[in-house]
Amino acid sequence: MKIFSTEKAPKAIWHYSQAIRVWDLLFCSGQIWLNPETMILVDWIEKQTEQVCDNIWEILKEAGISFSNVVKTTIFLSDISDFQTVNEIYSKYFSHKPARSTIEVSALPKWAHIEIEVIASF
């Protein structure tokens, strides 16, 4: 098992790792829309989604892989009516269409409106 961490993505705010590699898989913890430099939350679902994907990119890059290595994503939304907007932005990052689940939840950490976790293959 190998733990990956980068200063270019938000620091873990509780007791977890940004990502862990086990065998040929990378499990990335859910990313919310924190700006890693300021640790400030951004507004608007479009900006939130872009920030989440940028945070995921930095973690993947730290592990030496890219979005094309992602095999599964899970998207958590506090409002499922944001699905179409999120999907349009998400598709710019994940053009290869990994397997995906999208779930509406009642609340997310730090009152985020979106969280995405990924599993990637080396």
PDB file of N, CA and C in Angstrom:
ATOM      1  N   MET A   1       0.848  -1.167   0.000  1.00  0.00           N
ATOM      2  CA  MET A   1       0.000   0.000   0.000  1.00  0.00           C
ATOM      3  C   MET A   1       0.903   1.242   0.000  1.00  0.00           C
ATOM      4  N   LYS A   2       0.550   2.219  -0.847  1.00  0.00           N
ATOM      5  CA  LYS A   2       1.289   3.469  -0.909  1.00  0.00           C
ATOM      6  C   LYS A   2       0.300   4.631  -0.828  1.00  0.00           C
ATOM      7  N   ILE A   3       0.618   5.615  -0.001  1.00  0.00           N
ATOM      8  CA  ILE A   3      -0.231   6.790   0.173  1.00  0.00           C
ATOM      9  C   ILE A   3       0.295   7.918  -0.696  1.00  0.00           C
ATOM     10  N   PHE A   4      -0.619   8.604  -1.386  1.00  0.00           N
ATOM     11  CA  PHE A   4      -0.272   9.762  -2.205  1.00  0.00           C
ATOM     12  C   PHE A   4      -0.888  11.012  -1.604  1.00  0.00           C
ATOM     13  N   SER A   5      -0.113  12.095  -1.630  1.00  0.00           N
ATOM     14  CA  SER A   5      -0.573  13.371  -1.121  1.00  0.00           C
ATOM     15  C   SER A   5       0.130  14.480  -1.889  1.00  0.00           C
ATOM     16  N   THR A   6      -0.591  15.544  -2.191  1.00  0.00           N
ATOM     17  CA  THR A   6      -0.014  16.689  -2.876  1.00  0.00           C
ATOM     18  C   THR A   6      -0.526  17.977  -2.249  1.00  0.00           C
ATOM     19  N   GLU A   7       0.323  18.964  -2.209  1.00  0.00           N
ATOM     20  CA  GLU A   7      -0.066  20.288  -1.721  1.00  0.00           C
ATOM     21  C   GLU A   7      -0.929  21.018  -2.752  1.00  0.00           C
ATOM     22  N   LYS A   8      -0.998  20.491  -3.987  1.00  0.00           N
ATOM     23  CA  LYS A   8      -1.756  21.145  -5.060  1.00  0.00           C
ATOM     24  C   LYS A   8      -3.237  20.781  -5.032  1.00  0.00           C
ATOM     25  N   ALA A   9      -3.621  19.934  -4.090  1.00  0.00           N
ATOM     26  CA  ALA A   9      -5.029  19.621  -3.831  1.00  0.00           C
ATOM     27  C   ALA A   9      -5.269  19.930  -2.360  1.00  0.00           C
ATOM     28  N   PRO A  10      -6.520  20.158  -1.970  1.00  0.00           N
ATOM     29  CA  PRO A  10      -6.790  20.497  -0.570  1.00  0.00           C
ATOM     30  C   PRO A  10      -6.256  19.435   0.392  1.00  0.00           C
ATOM     31  N   LYS A  11      -5.689  19.893   1.484  1.00  0.00           N
ATOM     32  CA  LYS A  11      -5.229  18.982   2.519  1.00  0.00           C
ATOM     33  C   LYS A  11      -6.429  18.256   3.093  1.00  0.00           C
ATOM     34  N   ALA A  12      -6.206  17.028   3.525  1.00  0.00           N
ATOM     35  CA  ALA A  12      -7.268  16.276   4.183  1.00  0.00           C
ATOM     36  C   ALA A  12      -7.712  17.052   5.424  1.00  0.00           C
ATOM     37  N   ILE A  13      -9.013  17.251   5.568  1.00  0.00           N
ATOM     38  CA  ILE A  13      -9.511  18.042   6.693  1.00  0.00           C
ATOM     39  C   ILE A  13      -9.920  17.172   7.874  1.00  0.00           C
ATOM     40  N   TRP A  14      -9.872  15.857   7.694  1.00  0.00           N
ATOM     41  CA  TRP A  14     -10.128  14.924   8.780  1.00  0.00           C
ATOM     42  C   TRP A  14      -9.122  13.800   8.688  1.00  0.00           C
ATOM     43  N   HIS A  15      -9.406  12.673   9.218  1.00  0.00           N
ATOM     44  CA  HIS A  15      -8.470  11.557   9.298  1.00  0.00           C
ATOM     45  C   HIS A  15      -8.616  10.628   8.077  1.00  0.00           C
ATOM     46  N   TYR A  16      -7.978  11.014   6.970  1.00  0.00           N
ATOM     47  CA  TYR A  16      -7.968  10.199   5.751  1.00  0.00           C
ATOM     48  C   TYR A  16      -6.820  10.649   4.860  1.00  0.00           C
ATOM     49  N   SER A  17      -6.555   9.858   3.815  1.00  0.00           N
ATOM     50  CA  SER A  17      -5.514  10.183   2.832  1.00  0.00           C
ATOM     51  C   SER A  17      -6.165  10.696   1.562  1.00  0.00           C
ATOM     52  N   GLN A  18      -5.438  11.523   0.810  1.00  0.00           N
ATOM     53  CA  GLN A  18      -5.967  11.981  -0.480  1.00  0.00           C
ATOM     54  C   GLN A  18      -6.164  10.802  -1.422  1.00  0.00           C
ATOM     55  N   ALA A  19      -5.202   9.882  -1.433  1.00  0.00           N
ATOM     56  CA  ALA A  19      -5.308   8.699  -2.296  1.00  0.00           C
ATOM     57  C   ALA A  19      -4.407   7.592  -1.775  1.00  0.00           C
ATOM     58  N   ILE A  20      -4.809   6.355  -2.035  1.00  0.00           N
ATOM     59  CA  ILE A  20      -4.025   5.186  -1.658  1.00  0.00           C
ATOM     60  C   ILE A  20      -3.961   4.227  -2.834  1.00  0.00           C
ATOM     61  N   ARG A  21      -2.744   3.772  -3.129  1.00  0.00           N
ATOM     62  CA  ARG A  21      -2.561   2.764  -4.169  1.00  0.00           C
ATOM     63  C   ARG A  21      -2.483   1.389  -3.513  1.00  0.00           C
ATOM     64  N   VAL A  22      -3.297   0.475  -4.017  1.00  0.00           N
ATOM     65  CA  VAL A  22      -3.264  -0.922  -3.620  1.00  0.00           C
ATOM     66  C   VAL A  22      -3.193  -1.727  -4.907  1.00  0.00           C
ATOM     67  N   TRP A  23      -2.159  -2.540  -5.033  1.00  0.00           N
ATOM     68  CA  TRP A  23      -1.876  -3.273  -6.253  1.00  0.00           C
ATOM     69  C   TRP A  23      -1.838  -2.304  -7.432  1.00  0.00           C
ATOM     70  N   ASP A  24      -2.679  -2.495  -8.427  1.00  0.00           N
ATOM     71  CA  ASP A  24      -2.680  -1.613  -9.599  1.00  0.00           C
ATOM     72  C   ASP A  24      -3.856  -0.644  -9.604  1.00  0.00           C
ATOM     73  N   LEU A  25      -4.409  -0.375  -8.429  1.00  0.00           N
ATOM     74  CA  LEU A  25      -5.550   0.533  -8.329  1.00  0.00           C
ATOM     75  C   LEU A  25      -5.222   1.713  -7.421  1.00  0.00           C
ATOM     76  N   LEU A  26      -5.731   2.874  -7.788  1.00  0.00           N
ATOM     77  CA  LEU A  26      -5.615   4.072  -6.966  1.00  0.00           C
ATOM     78  C   LEU A  26      -7.018   4.459  -6.516  1.00  0.00           C
ATOM     79  N   PHE A  27      -7.198   4.551  -5.207  1.00  0.00           N
ATOM     80  CA  PHE A  27      -8.468   4.950  -4.626  1.00  0.00           C
ATOM     81  C   PHE A  27      -8.318   6.385  -4.133  1.00  0.00           C
ATOM     82  N   CYS A  28      -9.003   7.312  -4.797  1.00  0.00           N
ATOM     83  CA  CYS A  28      -8.933   8.730  -4.424  1.00  0.00           C
ATOM     84  C   CYS A  28     -10.116   9.081  -3.534  1.00  0.00           C
ATOM     85  N   SER A  29      -9.812   9.677  -2.404  1.00  0.00           N
ATOM     86  CA  SER A  29     -10.871  10.134  -1.502  1.00  0.00           C
ATOM     87  C   SER A  29     -11.718  11.190  -2.196  1.00  0.00           C
ATOM     88  N   GLY A  30     -12.953  11.307  -1.753  1.00  0.00           N
ATOM     89  CA  GLY A  30     -13.845  12.307  -2.324  1.00  0.00           C
ATOM     90  C   GLY A  30     -13.262  13.703  -2.200  1.00  0.00           C
ATOM     91  N   GLN A  31     -13.354  14.452  -3.276  1.00  0.00           N
ATOM     92  CA  GLN A  31     -12.864  15.822  -3.308  1.00  0.00           C
ATOM     93  C   GLN A  31     -14.051  16.777  -3.338  1.00  0.00           C
ATOM     94  N   ILE A  32     -13.970  17.798  -2.489  1.00  0.00           N
ATOM     95  CA  ILE A  32     -14.981  18.849  -2.514  1.00  0.00           C
ATOM     96  C   ILE A  32     -14.350  20.087  -3.130  1.00  0.00           C
ATOM     97  N   TRP A  33     -15.079  21.132  -3.177  1.00  0.00           N
ATOM     98  CA  TRP A  33     -14.696  22.331  -3.920  1.00  0.00           C
ATOM     99  C   TRP A  33     -13.900  23.334  -3.121  1.00  0.00           C
ATOM    100  N   LEU A  34     -12.912  22.847  -2.405  1.00  0.00           N
ATOM    101  CA  LEU A  34     -11.985  23.732  -1.703  1.00  0.00           C
ATOM    102  C   LEU A  34     -10.850  24.123  -2.632  1.00  0.00           C
ATOM    103  N   ASN A  35     -10.510  25.391  -2.636  1.00  0.00           N
ATOM    104  CA  ASN A  35      -9.330  25.845  -3.357  1.00  0.00           C
ATOM    105  C   ASN A  35      -8.121  25.448  -2.513  1.00  0.00           C
ATOM    106  N   PRO A  36      -7.156  24.674  -3.064  1.00  0.00           N
ATOM    107  CA  PRO A  36      -6.044  24.180  -2.250  1.00  0.00           C
ATOM    108  C   PRO A  36      -5.109  25.269  -1.732  1.00  0.00           C
ATOM    109  N   GLU A  37      -5.056  26.403  -2.409  1.00  0.00           N
ATOM    110  CA  GLU A  37      -4.165  27.481  -1.969  1.00  0.00           C
ATOM    111  C   GLU A  37      -4.774  28.293  -0.833  1.00  0.00           C
ATOM    112  N   THR A  38      -6.067  28.535  -0.915  1.00  0.00           N
ATOM    113  CA  THR A  38      -6.724  29.387   0.079  1.00  0.00           C
ATOM    114  C   THR A  38      -7.572  28.603   1.072  1.00  0.00           C
ATOM    115  N   MET A  39      -7.918  27.344   0.730  1.00  0.00           N
ATOM    116  CA  MET A  39      -8.833  26.505   1.503  1.00  0.00           C
ATOM    117  C   MET A  39     -10.186  27.200   1.671  1.00  0.00           C
ATOM    118  N   ILE A  40     -10.518  28.047   0.688  1.00  0.00           N
ATOM    119  CA  ILE A  40     -11.804  28.744   0.665  1.00  0.00           C
ATOM    120  C   ILE A  40     -12.729  28.030  -0.309  1.00  0.00           C
ATOM    121  N   LEU A  41     -13.993  27.951   0.066  1.00  0.00           N
ATOM    122  CA  LEU A  41     -14.990  27.353  -0.800  1.00  0.00           C
ATOM    123  C   LEU A  41     -15.366  28.327  -1.904  1.00  0.00           C
ATOM    124  N   VAL A  42     -15.558  27.801  -3.109  1.00  0.00           N
ATOM    125  CA  VAL A  42     -16.012  28.630  -4.221  1.00  0.00           C
ATOM    126  C   VAL A  42     -17.517  28.451  -4.382  1.00  0.00           C
ATOM    127  N   ASP A  43     -18.167  29.420  -5.019  1.00  0.00           N
ATOM    128  CA  ASP A  43     -19.615  29.352  -5.227  1.00  0.00           C
ATOM    129  C   ASP A  43     -19.933  28.874  -6.641  1.00  0.00           C
ATOM    130  N   TRP A  44     -21.205  28.704  -6.907  1.00  0.00           N
ATOM    131  CA  TRP A  44     -21.760  28.296  -8.188  1.00  0.00           C
ATOM    132  C   TRP A  44     -21.361  26.865  -8.537  1.00  0.00           C
ATOM    133  N   ILE A  45     -22.334  26.103  -8.929  1.00  0.00           N
ATOM    134  CA  ILE A  45     -22.098  24.676  -9.207  1.00  0.00           C
ATOM    135  C   ILE A  45     -21.073  24.493 -10.316  1.00  0.00           C
ATOM    136  N   GLU A  46     -21.034  25.403 -11.293  1.00  0.00           N
ATOM    137  CA  GLU A  46     -20.049  25.285 -12.373  1.00  0.00           C
ATOM    138  C   GLU A  46     -18.630  25.397 -11.815  1.00  0.00           C
ATOM    139  N   LYS A  47     -18.376  26.403 -11.008  1.00  0.00           N
ATOM    140  CA  LYS A  47     -17.043  26.604 -10.415  1.00  0.00           C
ATOM    141  C   LYS A  47     -16.710  25.480  -9.436  1.00  0.00           C
ATOM    142  N   GLN A  48     -17.703  25.030  -8.691  1.00  0.00           N
ATOM    143  CA  GLN A  48     -17.484  23.930  -7.747  1.00  0.00           C
ATOM    144  C   GLN A  48     -17.025  22.674  -8.485  1.00  0.00           C
ATOM    145  N   THR A  49     -17.723  22.355  -9.574  1.00  0.00           N
ATOM    146  CA  THR A  49     -17.403  21.156 -10.343  1.00  0.00           C
ATOM    147  C   THR A  49     -16.010  21.254 -10.953  1.00  0.00           C
ATOM    148  N   GLU A  50     -15.677  22.407 -11.513  1.00  0.00           N
ATOM    149  CA  GLU A  50     -14.344  22.605 -12.082  1.00  0.00           C
ATOM    150  C   GLU A  50     -13.269  22.463 -11.008  1.00  0.00           C
ATOM    151  N   GLN A  51     -13.496  23.041  -9.829  1.00  0.00           N
ATOM    152  CA  GLN A  51     -12.497  22.963  -8.751  1.00  0.00           C
ATOM    153  C   GLN A  51     -12.320  21.525  -8.283  1.00  0.00           C
ATOM    154  N   VAL A  52     -13.415  20.788  -8.146  1.00  0.00           N
ATOM    155  CA  VAL A  52     -13.340  19.383  -7.745  1.00  0.00           C
ATOM    156  C   VAL A  52     -12.516  18.596  -8.765  1.00  0.00           C
ATOM    157  N   CYS A  53     -12.803  18.782 -10.050  1.00  0.00           N
ATOM    158  CA  CYS A  53     -12.065  18.061 -11.097  1.00  0.00           C
ATOM    159  C   CYS A  53     -10.601  18.481 -11.130  1.00  0.00           C
ATOM    160  N   ASP A  54     -10.315  19.754 -10.910  1.00  0.00           N
ATOM    161  CA  ASP A  54      -8.923  20.216 -10.835  1.00  0.00           C
ATOM    162  C   ASP A  54      -8.205  19.568  -9.651  1.00  0.00           C
ATOM    163  N   ASN A  55      -8.886  19.447  -8.520  1.00  0.00           N
ATOM    164  CA  ASN A  55      -8.289  18.794  -7.350  1.00  0.00           C
ATOM    165  C   ASN A  55      -7.990  17.329  -7.642  1.00  0.00           C
ATOM    166  N   ILE A  56      -8.922  16.653  -8.294  1.00  0.00           N
ATOM    167  CA  ILE A  56      -8.703  15.247  -8.661  1.00  0.00           C
ATOM    168  C   ILE A  56      -7.516  15.140  -9.608  1.00  0.00           C
ATOM    169  N   TRP A  57      -7.433  16.036 -10.583  1.00  0.00           N
ATOM    170  CA  TRP A  57      -6.317  16.034 -11.542  1.00  0.00           C
ATOM    171  C   TRP A  57      -4.974  16.100 -10.815  1.00  0.00           C
ATOM    172  N   GLU A  58      -4.864  16.972  -9.830  1.00  0.00           N
ATOM    173  CA  GLU A  58      -3.598  17.122  -9.107  1.00  0.00           C
ATOM    174  C   GLU A  58      -3.220  15.848  -8.352  1.00  0.00           C
ATOM    175  N   ILE A  59      -4.195  15.166  -7.796  1.00  0.00           N
ATOM    176  CA  ILE A  59      -3.925  13.911  -7.093  1.00  0.00           C
ATOM    177  C   ILE A  59      -3.507  12.827  -8.083  1.00  0.00           C
ATOM    178  N   LEU A  60      -4.219  12.732  -9.197  1.00  0.00           N
ATOM    179  CA  LEU A  60      -3.850  11.748 -10.226  1.00  0.00           C
ATOM    180  C   LEU A  60      -2.441  12.016 -10.738  1.00  0.00           C
ATOM    181  N   LYS A  61      -2.146  13.274 -10.990  1.00  0.00           N
ATOM    182  CA  LYS A  61      -0.824  13.662 -11.489  1.00  0.00           C
ATOM    183  C   LYS A  61       0.268  13.276 -10.485  1.00  0.00           C
ATOM    184  N   GLU A  62       0.011  13.486  -9.211  1.00  0.00           N
ATOM    185  CA  GLU A  62       0.969  13.117  -8.160  1.00  0.00           C
ATOM    186  C   GLU A  62       1.254  11.609  -8.194  1.00  0.00           C
ATOM    187  N   ALA A  63       0.238  10.841  -8.545  1.00  0.00           N
ATOM    188  CA  ALA A  63       0.391   9.383  -8.632  1.00  0.00           C
ATOM    189  C   ALA A  63       0.997   8.939  -9.968  1.00  0.00           C
ATOM    190  N   GLY A  64       1.182   9.886 -10.889  1.00  0.00           N
ATOM    191  CA  GLY A  64       1.794   9.559 -12.179  1.00  0.00           C
ATOM    192  C   GLY A  64       0.824   9.056 -13.224  1.00  0.00           C
ATOM    193  N   ILE A  65      -0.460   9.354 -13.036  1.00  0.00           N
ATOM    194  CA  ILE A  65      -1.475   8.924 -14.005  1.00  0.00           C
ATOM    195  C   ILE A  65      -2.351  10.114 -14.383  1.00  0.00           C
ATOM    196  N   SER A  66      -3.392   9.882 -15.181  1.00  0.00           N
ATOM    197  CA  SER A  66      -4.255  10.974 -15.636  1.00  0.00           C
ATOM    198  C   SER A  66      -5.721  10.548 -15.612  1.00  0.00           C
ATOM    199  N   PHE A  67      -6.573  11.442 -16.066  1.00  0.00           N
ATOM    200  CA  PHE A  67      -8.013  11.138 -16.120  1.00  0.00           C
ATOM    201  C   PHE A  67      -8.302   9.889 -16.946  1.00  0.00           C
ATOM    202  N   SER A  68      -7.513   9.635 -17.964  1.00  0.00           N
ATOM    203  CA  SER A  68      -7.764   8.461 -18.819  1.00  0.00           C
ATOM    204  C   SER A  68      -7.568   7.148 -18.064  1.00  0.00           C
ATOM    205  N   ASN A  69      -6.934   7.175 -16.895  1.00  0.00           N
ATOM    206  CA  ASN A  69      -6.747   5.979 -16.081  1.00  0.00           C
ATOM    207  C   ASN A  69      -7.928   5.720 -15.148  1.00  0.00           C
ATOM    208  N   VAL A  70      -8.836   6.679 -15.037  1.00  0.00           N
ATOM    209  CA  VAL A  70      -9.974   6.541 -14.126  1.00  0.00           C
ATOM    210  C   VAL A  70     -10.954   5.517 -14.692  1.00  0.00           C
ATOM    211  N   VAL A  71     -11.299   4.527 -13.849  1.00  0.00           N
ATOM    212  CA  VAL A  71     -12.224   3.479 -14.280  1.00  0.00           C
ATOM    213  C   VAL A  71     -13.606   3.621 -13.650  1.00  0.00           C
ATOM    214  N   LYS A  72     -13.697   4.349 -12.511  1.00  0.00           N
ATOM    215  CA  LYS A  72     -14.986   4.492 -11.825  1.00  0.00           C
ATOM    216  C   LYS A  72     -15.009   5.805 -11.066  1.00  0.00           C
ATOM    217  N   THR A  73     -16.115   6.505 -11.151  1.00  0.00           N
ATOM    218  CA  THR A  73     -16.317   7.713 -10.353  1.00  0.00           C
ATOM    219  C   THR A  73     -17.636   7.598  -9.589  1.00  0.00           C
ATOM    220  N   THR A  74     -17.675   8.274  -8.473  1.00  0.00           N
ATOM    221  CA  THR A  74     -18.922   8.429  -7.735  1.00  0.00           C
ATOM    222  C   THR A  74     -19.091   9.918  -7.474  1.00  0.00           C
ATOM    223  N   ILE A  75     -20.235  10.445  -7.895  1.00  0.00           N
ATOM    224  CA  ILE A  75     -20.545  11.854  -7.709  1.00  0.00           C
ATOM    225  C   ILE A  75     -21.649  11.964  -6.665  1.00  0.00           C
ATOM    226  N   PHE A  76     -21.407  12.788  -5.666  1.00  0.00           N
ATOM    227  CA  PHE A  76     -22.402  13.073  -4.634  1.00  0.00           C
ATOM    228  C   PHE A  76     -22.864  14.510  -4.836  1.00  0.00           C
ATOM    229  N   LEU A  77     -24.164  14.702  -4.974  1.00  0.00           N
ATOM    230  CA  LEU A  77     -24.739  16.032  -5.161  1.00  0.00           C
ATOM    231  C   LEU A  77     -25.732  16.325  -4.048  1.00  0.00           C
ATOM    232  N   SER A  78     -25.706  17.547  -3.543  1.00  0.00           N
ATOM    233  CA  SER A  78     -26.702  17.921  -2.541  1.00  0.00           C
ATOM    234  C   SER A  78     -28.032  18.284  -3.196  1.00  0.00           C
ATOM    235  N   ASP A  79     -28.019  18.492  -4.517  1.00  0.00           N
ATOM    236  CA  ASP A  79     -29.235  18.802  -5.270  1.00  0.00           C
ATOM    237  C   ASP A  79     -29.147  18.133  -6.634  1.00  0.00           C
ATOM    238  N   ILE A  80     -29.916  17.099  -6.847  1.00  0.00           N
ATOM    239  CA  ILE A  80     -29.849  16.328  -8.093  1.00  0.00           C
ATOM    240  C   ILE A  80     -30.241  17.176  -9.308  1.00  0.00           C
ATOM    241  N   SER A  81     -30.902  18.294  -9.091  1.00  0.00           N
ATOM    242  CA  SER A  81     -31.246  19.159 -10.226  1.00  0.00           C
ATOM    243  C   SER A  81     -29.999  19.789 -10.846  1.00  0.00           C
ATOM    244  N   ASP A  82     -28.854  19.709 -10.179  1.00  0.00           N
ATOM    245  CA  ASP A  82     -27.585  20.176 -10.749  1.00  0.00           C
ATOM    246  C   ASP A  82     -26.953  19.145 -11.677  1.00  0.00           C
ATOM    247  N   PHE A  83     -27.582  17.984 -11.827  1.00  0.00           N
ATOM    248  CA  PHE A  83     -27.001  16.867 -12.580  1.00  0.00           C
ATOM    249  C   PHE A  83     -26.560  17.273 -13.989  1.00  0.00           C
ATOM    250  N   GLN A  84     -27.409  17.940 -14.740  1.00  0.00           N
ATOM    251  CA  GLN A  84     -27.084  18.293 -16.134  1.00  0.00           C
ATOM    252  C   GLN A  84     -25.889  19.243 -16.206  1.00  0.00           C
ATOM    253  N   THR A  85     -25.876  20.247 -15.364  1.00  0.00           N
ATOM    254  CA  THR A  85     -24.762  21.203 -15.338  1.00  0.00           C
ATOM    255  C   THR A  85     -23.461  20.488 -14.994  1.00  0.00           C
ATOM    256  N   VAL A  86     -23.496  19.663 -13.963  1.00  0.00           N
ATOM    257  CA  VAL A  86     -22.307  18.908 -13.547  1.00  0.00           C
ATOM    258  C   VAL A  86     -21.864  17.990 -14.671  1.00  0.00           C
ATOM    259  N   ASN A  87     -22.791  17.306 -15.298  1.00  0.00           N
ATOM    260  CA  ASN A  87     -22.460  16.363 -16.364  1.00  0.00           C
ATOM    261  C   ASN A  87     -21.742  17.050 -17.526  1.00  0.00           C
ATOM    262  N   GLU A  88     -22.179  18.239 -17.894  1.00  0.00           N
ATOM    263  CA  GLU A  88     -21.541  18.969 -18.995  1.00  0.00           C
ATOM    264  C   GLU A  88     -20.082  19.293 -18.675  1.00  0.00           C
ATOM    265  N   ILE A  89     -19.814  19.723 -17.467  1.00  0.00           N
ATOM    266  CA  ILE A  89     -18.438  20.057 -17.069  1.00  0.00           C
ATOM    267  C   ILE A  89     -17.622  18.784 -16.876  1.00  0.00           C
ATOM    268  N   TYR A  90     -18.194  17.804 -16.197  1.00  0.00           N
ATOM    269  CA  TYR A  90     -17.551  16.512 -15.947  1.00  0.00           C
ATOM    270  C   TYR A  90     -17.065  15.878 -17.253  1.00  0.00           C
ATOM    271  N   SER A  91     -17.888  15.951 -18.307  1.00  0.00           N
ATOM    272  CA  SER A  91     -17.540  15.300 -19.577  1.00  0.00           C
ATOM    273  C   SER A  91     -16.318  15.926 -20.242  1.00  0.00           C
ATOM    274  N   LYS A  92     -15.971  17.152 -19.884  1.00  0.00           N
ATOM    275  CA  LYS A  92     -14.758  17.777 -20.426  1.00  0.00           C
ATOM    276  C   LYS A  92     -13.505  17.172 -19.808  1.00  0.00           C
ATOM    277  N   TYR A  93     -13.620  16.676 -18.597  1.00  0.00           N
ATOM    278  CA  TYR A  93     -12.487  16.069 -17.899  1.00  0.00           C
ATOM    279  C   TYR A  93     -12.426  14.558 -18.140  1.00  0.00           C
ATOM    280  N   PHE A  94     -13.577  13.914 -18.160  1.00  0.00           N
ATOM    281  CA  PHE A  94     -13.663  12.456 -18.279  1.00  0.00           C
ATOM    282  C   PHE A  94     -14.243  12.081 -19.640  1.00  0.00           C
ATOM    283  N   SER A  95     -13.528  12.393 -20.703  1.00  0.00           N
ATOM    284  CA  SER A  95     -14.037  12.164 -22.061  1.00  0.00           C
ATOM    285  C   SER A  95     -14.149  10.683 -22.409  1.00  0.00           C
ATOM    286  N   HIS A  96     -13.438   9.824 -21.706  1.00  0.00           N
ATOM    287  CA  HIS A  96     -13.458   8.394 -22.023  1.00  0.00           C
ATOM    288  C   HIS A  96     -14.621   7.636 -21.372  1.00  0.00           C
ATOM    289  N   LYS A  97     -15.450   8.298 -20.625  1.00  0.00           N
ATOM    290  CA  LYS A  97     -16.661   7.746 -20.022  1.00  0.00           C
ATOM    291  C   LYS A  97     -16.407   6.570 -19.073  1.00  0.00           C
ATOM    292  N   PRO A  98     -15.760   6.821 -17.924  1.00  0.00           N
ATOM    293  CA  PRO A  98     -15.604   5.736 -16.940  1.00  0.00           C
ATOM    294  C   PRO A  98     -16.959   5.350 -16.359  1.00  0.00           C
ATOM    295  N   ALA A  99     -17.025   4.188 -15.717  1.00  0.00           N
ATOM    296  CA  ALA A  99     -18.238   3.801 -15.003  1.00  0.00           C
ATOM    297  C   ALA A  99     -18.512   4.871 -13.948  1.00  0.00           C
ATOM    298  N   ARG A 100     -19.799   5.102 -13.648  1.00  0.00           N
ATOM    299  CA  ARG A 100     -20.119   6.206 -12.746  1.00  0.00           C
ATOM    300  C   ARG A 100     -21.422   5.959 -12.010  1.00  0.00           C
ATOM    301  N   SER A 101     -21.464   6.448 -10.789  1.00  0.00           N
ATOM    302  CA  SER A 101     -22.700   6.536 -10.013  1.00  0.00           C
ATOM    303  C   SER A 101     -22.869   7.991  -9.617  1.00  0.00           C
ATOM    304  N   THR A 102     -24.110   8.458  -9.627  1.00  0.00           N
ATOM    305  CA  THR A 102     -24.414   9.811  -9.161  1.00  0.00           C
ATOM    306  C   THR A 102     -25.518   9.689  -8.121  1.00  0.00           C
ATOM    307  N   ILE A 103     -25.276  10.275  -6.962  1.00  0.00           N
ATOM    308  CA  ILE A 103     -26.176  10.101  -5.839  1.00  0.00           C
ATOM    309  C   ILE A 103     -26.506  11.460  -5.234  1.00  0.00           C
ATOM    310  N   GLU A 104     -27.796  11.688  -4.942  1.00  0.00           N
ATOM    311  CA  GLU A 104     -28.174  12.887  -4.185  1.00  0.00           C
ATOM    312  C   GLU A 104     -28.080  12.554  -2.701  1.00  0.00           C
ATOM    313  N   VAL A 105     -27.437  13.459  -1.957  1.00  0.00           N
ATOM    314  CA  VAL A 105     -27.273  13.270  -0.514  1.00  0.00           C
ATOM    315  C   VAL A 105     -27.834  14.493   0.212  1.00  0.00           C
ATOM    316  N   SER A 106     -28.124  14.326   1.487  1.00  0.00           N
ATOM    317  CA  SER A 106     -28.720  15.439   2.226  1.00  0.00           C
ATOM    318  C   SER A 106     -27.703  16.498   2.619  1.00  0.00           C
ATOM    319  N   ALA A 107     -26.447  16.102   2.782  1.00  0.00           N
ATOM    320  CA  ALA A 107     -25.414  17.075   3.157  1.00  0.00           C
ATOM    321  C   ALA A 107     -24.038  16.505   2.840  1.00  0.00           C
ATOM    322  N   LEU A 108     -23.084  17.407   2.604  1.00  0.00           N
ATOM    323  CA  LEU A 108     -21.691  17.042   2.337  1.00  0.00           C
ATOM    324  C   LEU A 108     -20.794  17.852   3.273  1.00  0.00           C
ATOM    325  N   PRO A 109     -19.549  17.411   3.475  1.00  0.00           N
ATOM    326  CA  PRO A 109     -18.640  18.159   4.356  1.00  0.00           C
ATOM    327  C   PRO A 109     -18.514  19.622   3.940  1.00  0.00           C
ATOM    328  N   LYS A 110     -18.400  20.480   4.930  1.00  0.00           N
ATOM    329  CA  LYS A 110     -18.226  21.924   4.727  1.00  0.00           C
ATOM    330  C   LYS A 110     -19.352  22.517   3.878  1.00  0.00           C
ATOM    331  N   TRP A 111     -20.498  21.883   3.866  1.00  0.00           N
ATOM    332  CA  TRP A 111     -21.677  22.328   3.119  1.00  0.00           C
ATOM    333  C   TRP A 111     -21.418  22.412   1.616  1.00  0.00           C
ATOM    334  N   ALA A 112     -20.520  21.573   1.126  1.00  0.00           N
ATOM    335  CA  ALA A 112     -20.261  21.504  -0.313  1.00  0.00           C
ATOM    336  C   ALA A 112     -21.527  21.048  -1.026  1.00  0.00           C
ATOM    337  N   HIS A 113     -21.641  21.401  -2.290  1.00  0.00           N
ATOM    338  CA  HIS A 113     -22.778  20.970  -3.103  1.00  0.00           C
ATOM    339  C   HIS A 113     -22.421  19.780  -3.973  1.00  0.00           C
ATOM    340  N   ILE A 114     -21.116  19.489  -4.101  1.00  0.00           N
ATOM    341  CA  ILE A 114     -20.656  18.377  -4.923  1.00  0.00           C
ATOM    342  C   ILE A 114     -19.405  17.766  -4.301  1.00  0.00           C
ATOM    343  N   GLU A 115     -19.299  16.450  -4.410  1.00  0.00           N
ATOM    344  CA  GLU A 115     -18.099  15.713  -4.041  1.00  0.00           C
ATOM    345  C   GLU A 115     -17.940  14.601  -5.065  1.00  0.00           C
ATOM    346  N   ILE A 116     -16.716  14.386  -5.503  1.00  0.00           N
ATOM    347  CA  ILE A 116     -16.443  13.302  -6.457  1.00  0.00           C
ATOM    348  C   ILE A 116     -15.285  12.477  -5.931  1.00  0.00           C
ATOM    349  N   GLU A 117     -15.454  11.147  -5.950  1.00  0.00           N
ATOM    350  CA  GLU A 117     -14.362  10.234  -5.649  1.00  0.00           C
ATOM    351  C   GLU A 117     -14.095   9.385  -6.887  1.00  0.00           C
ATOM    352  N   VAL A 118     -12.847   8.937  -7.040  1.00  0.00           N
ATOM    353  CA  VAL A 118     -12.499   8.157  -8.228  1.00  0.00           C
ATOM    354  C   VAL A 118     -11.665   6.945  -7.854  1.00  0.00           C
ATOM    355  N   ILE A 119     -11.743   5.948  -8.713  1.00  0.00           N
ATOM    356  CA  ILE A 119     -10.862   4.792  -8.685  1.00  0.00           C
ATOM    357  C   ILE A 119     -10.181   4.742 -10.042  1.00  0.00           C
ATOM    358  N   ALA A 120      -8.862   4.633 -10.028  1.00  0.00           N
ATOM    359  CA  ALA A 120      -8.087   4.631 -11.273  1.00  0.00           C
ATOM    360  C   ALA A 120      -7.210   3.379 -11.311  1.00  0.00           C
ATOM    361  N   SER A 121      -6.779   3.035 -12.499  1.00  0.00           N
ATOM    362  CA  SER A 121      -5.927   1.874 -12.715  1.00  0.00           C
ATOM    363  C   SER A 121      -4.588   2.326 -13.277  1.00  0.00           C
ATOM    364  N   PHE A 122      -3.518   1.674 -12.850  1.00  0.00           N
ATOM    365  CA  PHE A 122      -2.183   1.985 -13.366  1.00  0.00           C
ATOM    366  C   PHE A 122      -1.876   1.153 -14.596  1.00  0.00           C
TER     367      PHE A 122
END
